[in-house]
Amino acid sequence: MPYAIITKKTFRTKNVARTEKLKKKLDRDLLPEEVIYDTTTSIKYFCVIRPNSSDYEVRTTKIAKEAIFYTEKELPMVKYRLKGKNYSVIDVKTNEEIERAPAIISINAETIADVPCLNQ
């Protein structure tokens, strides 16, 4: 199964044209919740060239056809080369996220309440 290493960034920008059109249509200034925003997600692929060699190279690309996909056998070395970076490992065929580094840790309030406090 081929795997890709990606980063996702989401940008939220004000849609000036649509906001101004709505402003003219209503003939008043818009409230903050009425302003129209566009959300854009940018995906970049991390490509580690020659990950098993000491002179490896890390490149990024936005084009999927230019990206390098890895097998399960190559993933541990590629992850080692990308240490310290934020990325996600996805299955190329299903676009399903397999792993995220650094891992997201979620702690809920109930878990914290059950832990006894040492300072008392």
N, C-alpha and C. Protein backbone atom coordinates (compact mmCIF):
# COMPACT_ATOMS: atom_id res chain seq x y z
N MET A 1 0.83 -1.17 0.00
CA MET A 1 0.00 0.00 0.00
C MET A 1 0.88 1.25 0.00
N PRO A 2 0.66 2.20 -0.88
CA PRO A 2 1.47 3.42 -0.88
C PRO A 2 0.98 4.43 0.16
N TYR A 3 1.94 5.10 0.78
CA TYR A 3 1.64 6.11 1.79
C TYR A 3 2.29 7.42 1.38
N ALA A 4 1.65 8.54 1.75
CA ALA A 4 2.20 9.87 1.49
C ALA A 4 2.29 10.61 2.82
N ILE A 5 3.22 11.53 2.89
CA ILE A 5 3.39 12.35 4.08
C ILE A 5 3.03 13.78 3.71
N ILE A 6 2.02 14.32 4.41
CA ILE A 6 1.49 15.63 4.04
C ILE A 6 1.39 16.55 5.25
N THR A 7 1.22 17.84 4.96
CA THR A 7 0.84 18.83 5.95
C THR A 7 -0.37 19.56 5.40
N LYS A 8 -1.30 19.89 6.28
CA LYS A 8 -2.49 20.63 5.88
C LYS A 8 -2.52 21.94 6.65
N LYS A 9 -2.80 23.02 5.93
CA LYS A 9 -3.00 24.32 6.56
C LYS A 9 -4.30 24.89 6.03
N THR A 10 -5.11 25.42 6.93
CA THR A 10 -6.39 26.00 6.56
C THR A 10 -6.31 27.51 6.75
N PHE A 11 -6.70 28.23 5.71
CA PHE A 11 -6.70 29.68 5.73
C PHE A 11 -8.13 30.18 5.62
N ARG A 12 -8.43 31.23 6.35
CA ARG A 12 -9.75 31.84 6.29
C ARG A 12 -9.56 33.29 5.89
N THR A 13 -10.07 33.66 4.70
CA THR A 13 -9.91 35.01 4.18
C THR A 13 -11.27 35.64 3.92
N LYS A 14 -11.31 36.93 4.04
CA LYS A 14 -12.55 37.67 3.81
C LYS A 14 -12.82 37.74 2.31
N ASN A 15 -14.05 37.39 1.89
CA ASN A 15 -14.45 37.50 0.50
C ASN A 15 -14.99 38.91 0.30
N VAL A 16 -14.12 39.79 -0.20
CA VAL A 16 -14.44 41.20 -0.30
C VAL A 16 -15.58 41.46 -1.28
N ALA A 17 -15.55 40.80 -2.42
CA ALA A 17 -16.57 41.03 -3.45
C ALA A 17 -17.97 40.66 -2.95
N ARG A 18 -18.11 39.48 -2.39
CA ARG A 18 -19.43 39.04 -1.91
C ARG A 18 -19.89 39.86 -0.69
N THR A 19 -18.95 40.25 0.15
CA THR A 19 -19.30 41.05 1.32
C THR A 19 -19.79 42.43 0.89
N GLU A 20 -19.12 43.05 -0.05
CA GLU A 20 -19.54 44.36 -0.55
C GLU A 20 -20.89 44.28 -1.27
N LYS A 21 -21.11 43.21 -2.01
CA LYS A 21 -22.39 43.02 -2.70
C LYS A 21 -23.53 42.90 -1.68
N LEU A 22 -23.32 42.15 -0.61
CA LEU A 22 -24.32 42.01 0.45
C LEU A 22 -24.54 43.34 1.17
N LYS A 23 -23.46 44.08 1.35
CA LYS A 23 -23.55 45.38 2.01
C LYS A 23 -24.41 46.35 1.20
N LYS A 24 -24.22 46.35 -0.13
CA LYS A 24 -25.03 47.21 -1.00
C LYS A 24 -26.49 46.75 -1.04
N LYS A 25 -26.68 45.45 -1.05
CA LYS A 25 -28.04 44.90 -1.11
C LYS A 25 -28.83 45.26 0.16
N LEU A 26 -28.18 45.18 1.31
CA LEU A 26 -28.85 45.51 2.58
C LEU A 26 -28.84 47.00 2.86
N ASP A 27 -27.99 47.72 2.17
CA ASP A 27 -27.87 49.17 2.30
C ASP A 27 -27.54 49.59 3.74
N ARG A 28 -26.59 48.87 4.32
CA ARG A 28 -26.11 49.18 5.67
C ARG A 28 -24.77 48.50 5.90
N ASP A 29 -24.12 48.88 6.99
CA ASP A 29 -22.89 48.21 7.39
C ASP A 29 -23.24 46.82 7.93
N LEU A 30 -22.38 45.87 7.65
CA LEU A 30 -22.63 44.50 8.09
C LEU A 30 -22.16 44.26 9.52
N LEU A 31 -22.85 43.39 10.20
CA LEU A 31 -22.42 42.96 11.52
C LEU A 31 -21.26 41.98 11.36
N PRO A 32 -20.44 41.80 12.38
CA PRO A 32 -19.28 40.89 12.25
C PRO A 32 -19.67 39.46 11.84
N GLU A 33 -20.80 38.96 12.30
CA GLU A 33 -21.21 37.60 11.93
C GLU A 33 -21.81 37.53 10.52
N GLU A 34 -22.08 38.66 9.89
CA GLU A 34 -22.63 38.66 8.53
C GLU A 34 -21.56 38.73 7.45
N VAL A 35 -20.33 39.02 7.82
CA VAL A 35 -19.23 39.11 6.85
C VAL A 35 -18.98 37.72 6.28
N ILE A 36 -18.77 37.64 4.97
CA ILE A 36 -18.59 36.36 4.28
C ILE A 36 -17.10 36.04 4.18
N TYR A 37 -16.75 34.81 4.60
CA TYR A 37 -15.36 34.36 4.56
C TYR A 37 -15.25 33.12 3.67
N ASP A 38 -14.09 32.97 3.05
CA ASP A 38 -13.77 31.78 2.27
C ASP A 38 -12.73 30.98 3.06
N THR A 39 -12.91 29.66 3.08
CA THR A 39 -11.96 28.79 3.75
C THR A 39 -11.22 27.98 2.69
N THR A 40 -9.90 28.04 2.74
CA THR A 40 -9.06 27.33 1.79
C THR A 40 -8.11 26.41 2.55
N THR A 41 -8.00 25.18 2.08
CA THR A 41 -7.07 24.23 2.68
C THR A 41 -5.93 23.98 1.70
N SER A 42 -4.72 24.15 2.20
CA SER A 42 -3.52 23.95 1.39
C SER A 42 -2.86 22.65 1.84
N ILE A 43 -2.59 21.78 0.89
CA ILE A 43 -1.93 20.51 1.18
C ILE A 43 -0.55 20.51 0.54
N LYS A 44 0.46 20.18 1.34
CA LYS A 44 1.83 20.04 0.83
C LYS A 44 2.30 18.63 1.13
N TYR A 45 3.00 18.05 0.18
CA TYR A 45 3.56 16.72 0.33
C TYR A 45 5.03 16.83 0.71
N PHE A 46 5.44 16.11 1.76
CA PHE A 46 6.85 16.01 2.10
C PHE A 46 7.45 14.86 1.30
N CYS A 47 8.56 15.12 0.66
CA CYS A 47 9.25 14.09 -0.13
C CYS A 47 10.68 13.96 0.40
N VAL A 48 11.00 12.80 0.90
CA VAL A 48 12.36 12.53 1.37
C VAL A 48 13.05 11.73 0.28
N ILE A 49 14.05 12.34 -0.31
CA ILE A 49 14.79 11.70 -1.40
C ILE A 49 15.98 10.98 -0.78
N ARG A 50 16.14 9.70 -1.11
CA ARG A 50 17.19 8.83 -0.58
C ARG A 50 17.15 8.77 0.95
N PRO A 51 16.04 8.33 1.56
CA PRO A 51 15.94 8.34 3.02
C PRO A 51 16.92 7.40 3.71
N ASN A 52 17.39 6.35 3.04
CA ASN A 52 18.33 5.41 3.65
C ASN A 52 19.78 5.85 3.55
N SER A 53 20.02 6.92 2.84
CA SER A 53 21.38 7.42 2.65
C SER A 53 21.65 8.56 3.63
N SER A 54 22.92 8.80 3.92
CA SER A 54 23.26 9.88 4.85
C SER A 54 23.11 11.26 4.19
N ASP A 55 23.10 11.32 2.87
CA ASP A 55 22.91 12.59 2.18
C ASP A 55 21.49 12.73 1.65
N TYR A 56 20.50 12.42 2.51
CA TYR A 56 19.09 12.51 2.13
C TYR A 56 18.71 13.98 1.92
N GLU A 57 17.58 14.19 1.27
CA GLU A 57 17.10 15.52 0.98
C GLU A 57 15.60 15.57 1.20
N VAL A 58 15.11 16.62 1.84
CA VAL A 58 13.68 16.79 2.08
C VAL A 58 13.17 17.92 1.20
N ARG A 59 12.16 17.62 0.41
CA ARG A 59 11.54 18.62 -0.46
C ARG A 59 10.04 18.62 -0.23
N THR A 60 9.40 19.72 -0.58
CA THR A 60 7.94 19.79 -0.50
C THR A 60 7.39 20.13 -1.87
N THR A 61 6.18 19.65 -2.12
CA THR A 61 5.50 19.95 -3.37
C THR A 61 4.00 20.01 -3.10
N LYS A 62 3.31 20.78 -3.90
CA LYS A 62 1.85 20.85 -3.80
C LYS A 62 1.16 19.94 -4.81
N ILE A 63 1.92 19.38 -5.73
CA ILE A 63 1.36 18.57 -6.81
C ILE A 63 1.52 17.09 -6.46
N ALA A 64 0.40 16.38 -6.44
CA ALA A 64 0.41 14.97 -6.03
C ALA A 64 1.22 14.10 -6.99
N LYS A 65 1.21 14.43 -8.26
CA LYS A 65 1.96 13.63 -9.24
C LYS A 65 3.47 13.75 -9.07
N GLU A 66 3.92 14.84 -8.46
CA GLU A 66 5.35 15.03 -8.24
C GLU A 66 5.80 14.47 -6.89
N ALA A 67 4.86 14.08 -6.05
CA ALA A 67 5.19 13.60 -4.71
C ALA A 67 5.76 12.19 -4.76
N ILE A 68 6.51 11.84 -3.74
CA ILE A 68 7.06 10.50 -3.60
C ILE A 68 6.21 9.76 -2.59
N PHE A 69 5.76 8.56 -2.96
CA PHE A 69 4.97 7.73 -2.07
C PHE A 69 5.85 6.62 -1.52
N TYR A 70 5.56 6.17 -0.30
CA TYR A 70 6.41 5.23 0.39
C TYR A 70 5.66 3.95 0.71
N THR A 71 6.40 2.87 0.82
CA THR A 71 5.81 1.60 1.25
C THR A 71 5.92 1.51 2.78
N GLU A 72 5.28 0.51 3.35
CA GLU A 72 5.31 0.32 4.79
C GLU A 72 6.73 0.09 5.29
N LYS A 73 7.55 -0.54 4.48
CA LYS A 73 8.92 -0.85 4.84
C LYS A 73 9.78 0.42 4.92
N GLU A 74 9.49 1.42 4.08
CA GLU A 74 10.28 2.65 4.04
C GLU A 74 9.84 3.69 5.08
N LEU A 75 8.62 3.56 5.60
CA LEU A 75 8.07 4.58 6.50
C LEU A 75 8.90 4.84 7.76
N PRO A 76 9.43 3.84 8.47
CA PRO A 76 10.19 4.17 9.68
C PRO A 76 11.40 5.07 9.43
N MET A 77 12.12 4.86 8.35
CA MET A 77 13.29 5.68 8.05
C MET A 77 12.86 7.09 7.63
N VAL A 78 11.77 7.20 6.88
CA VAL A 78 11.27 8.50 6.45
C VAL A 78 10.80 9.29 7.68
N LYS A 79 10.12 8.63 8.61
CA LYS A 79 9.68 9.30 9.84
C LYS A 79 10.88 9.78 10.65
N TYR A 80 11.93 8.98 10.68
CA TYR A 80 13.14 9.37 11.40
C TYR A 80 13.76 10.62 10.77
N ARG A 81 13.76 10.69 9.46
CA ARG A 81 14.33 11.85 8.77
C ARG A 81 13.49 13.11 8.96
N LEU A 82 12.20 12.95 9.24
CA LEU A 82 11.30 14.09 9.40
C LEU A 82 11.06 14.45 10.86
N LYS A 83 11.89 13.97 11.75
CA LYS A 83 11.66 14.25 13.17
C LYS A 83 11.68 15.76 13.42
N GLY A 84 10.78 16.19 14.29
CA GLY A 84 10.67 17.61 14.61
C GLY A 84 9.72 18.38 13.71
N LYS A 85 9.15 17.75 12.71
CA LYS A 85 8.21 18.41 11.81
C LYS A 85 6.80 17.91 12.09
N ASN A 86 5.82 18.75 11.82
CA ASN A 86 4.42 18.35 11.96
C ASN A 86 3.94 17.80 10.62
N TYR A 87 3.43 16.58 10.64
CA TYR A 87 2.97 15.95 9.40
C TYR A 87 1.94 14.89 9.71
N SER A 88 1.28 14.44 8.66
CA SER A 88 0.33 13.33 8.75
C SER A 88 0.70 12.30 7.70
N VAL A 89 0.52 11.03 8.03
CA VAL A 89 0.75 9.95 7.08
C VAL A 89 -0.63 9.51 6.60
N ILE A 90 -0.83 9.55 5.27
CA ILE A 90 -2.12 9.14 4.72
C ILE A 90 -1.94 7.96 3.77
N ASP A 91 -3.00 7.19 3.63
CA ASP A 91 -3.05 6.13 2.63
C ASP A 91 -3.45 6.80 1.32
N VAL A 92 -2.64 6.63 0.30
CA VAL A 92 -2.86 7.35 -0.96
C VAL A 92 -4.15 6.89 -1.65
N LYS A 93 -4.47 5.61 -1.57
CA LYS A 93 -5.65 5.10 -2.27
C LYS A 93 -6.95 5.59 -1.65
N THR A 94 -7.02 5.66 -0.34
CA THR A 94 -8.27 6.03 0.33
C THR A 94 -8.26 7.45 0.88
N ASN A 95 -7.12 8.14 0.87
CA ASN A 95 -6.93 9.47 1.47
C ASN A 95 -7.30 9.49 2.94
N GLU A 96 -7.15 8.38 3.61
CA GLU A 96 -7.47 8.26 5.02
C GLU A 96 -6.20 8.48 5.84
N GLU A 97 -6.32 9.29 6.89
CA GLU A 97 -5.18 9.57 7.74
C GLU A 97 -4.85 8.35 8.59
N ILE A 98 -3.61 7.90 8.51
CA ILE A 98 -3.15 6.73 9.25
C ILE A 98 -2.51 7.14 10.57
N GLU A 99 -1.69 8.18 10.53
CA GLU A 99 -0.92 8.58 11.70
C GLU A 99 -0.62 10.07 11.62
N ARG A 100 -0.52 10.71 12.77
CA ARG A 100 -0.19 12.13 12.83
C ARG A 100 0.98 12.32 13.79
N ALA A 101 1.95 13.12 13.40
CA ALA A 101 3.09 13.39 14.27
C ALA A 101 3.26 14.89 14.42
N PRO A 102 3.43 15.47 15.54
CA PRO A 102 3.33 14.80 16.82
C PRO A 102 1.89 14.40 17.10
N ALA A 103 1.72 13.33 17.84
CA ALA A 103 0.40 12.79 18.11
C ALA A 103 -0.43 13.80 18.91
N ILE A 104 -1.72 13.82 18.62
CA ILE A 104 -2.62 14.70 19.35
C ILE A 104 -3.06 13.98 20.62
N ILE A 105 -2.88 14.64 21.73
CA ILE A 105 -3.28 14.07 23.01
C ILE A 105 -4.48 14.86 23.50
N SER A 106 -5.58 14.17 23.74
CA SER A 106 -6.75 14.87 24.25
C SER A 106 -6.98 14.43 25.69
N ILE A 107 -7.13 15.40 26.54
CA ILE A 107 -7.40 15.13 27.95
C ILE A 107 -8.73 15.78 28.28
N ASN A 108 -9.64 15.00 28.82
CA ASN A 108 -10.91 15.60 29.19
C ASN A 108 -10.91 15.92 30.69
N ALA A 109 -11.87 16.73 31.11
CA ALA A 109 -11.91 17.21 32.50
C ALA A 109 -12.16 16.08 33.48
N GLU A 110 -12.88 15.04 33.09
CA GLU A 110 -13.17 13.94 34.00
C GLU A 110 -11.90 13.19 34.38
N THR A 111 -11.00 13.03 33.42
CA THR A 111 -9.74 12.33 33.69
C THR A 111 -8.90 13.11 34.70
N ILE A 112 -8.86 14.41 34.57
CA ILE A 112 -8.08 15.25 35.47
C ILE A 112 -8.68 15.22 36.87
N ALA A 113 -10.00 15.20 36.97
CA ALA A 113 -10.66 15.21 38.28
C ALA A 113 -10.39 13.92 39.04
N ASP A 114 -10.19 12.81 38.34
CA ASP A 114 -9.96 11.53 39.00
C ASP A 114 -8.54 11.36 39.53
N VAL A 115 -7.61 12.16 39.07
CA VAL A 115 -6.21 12.03 39.49
C VAL A 115 -6.03 12.73 40.83
N PRO A 116 -5.50 12.05 41.84
CA PRO A 116 -5.32 12.70 43.14
C PRO A 116 -4.20 13.73 43.08
N CYS A 117 -4.39 14.82 43.79
CA CYS A 117 -3.42 15.90 43.81
C CYS A 117 -2.32 15.58 44.84
N LEU A 118 -1.07 15.74 44.46
CA LEU A 118 0.06 15.42 45.34
C LEU A 118 0.40 16.55 46.30
N ASN A 119 -0.05 17.77 46.04
CA ASN A 119 0.30 18.92 46.86
C ASN A 119 -0.51 19.02 48.14
N GLN A 120 -1.53 18.24 48.33
CA GLN A 120 -2.38 18.36 49.52
C GLN A 120 -1.84 17.59 50.69
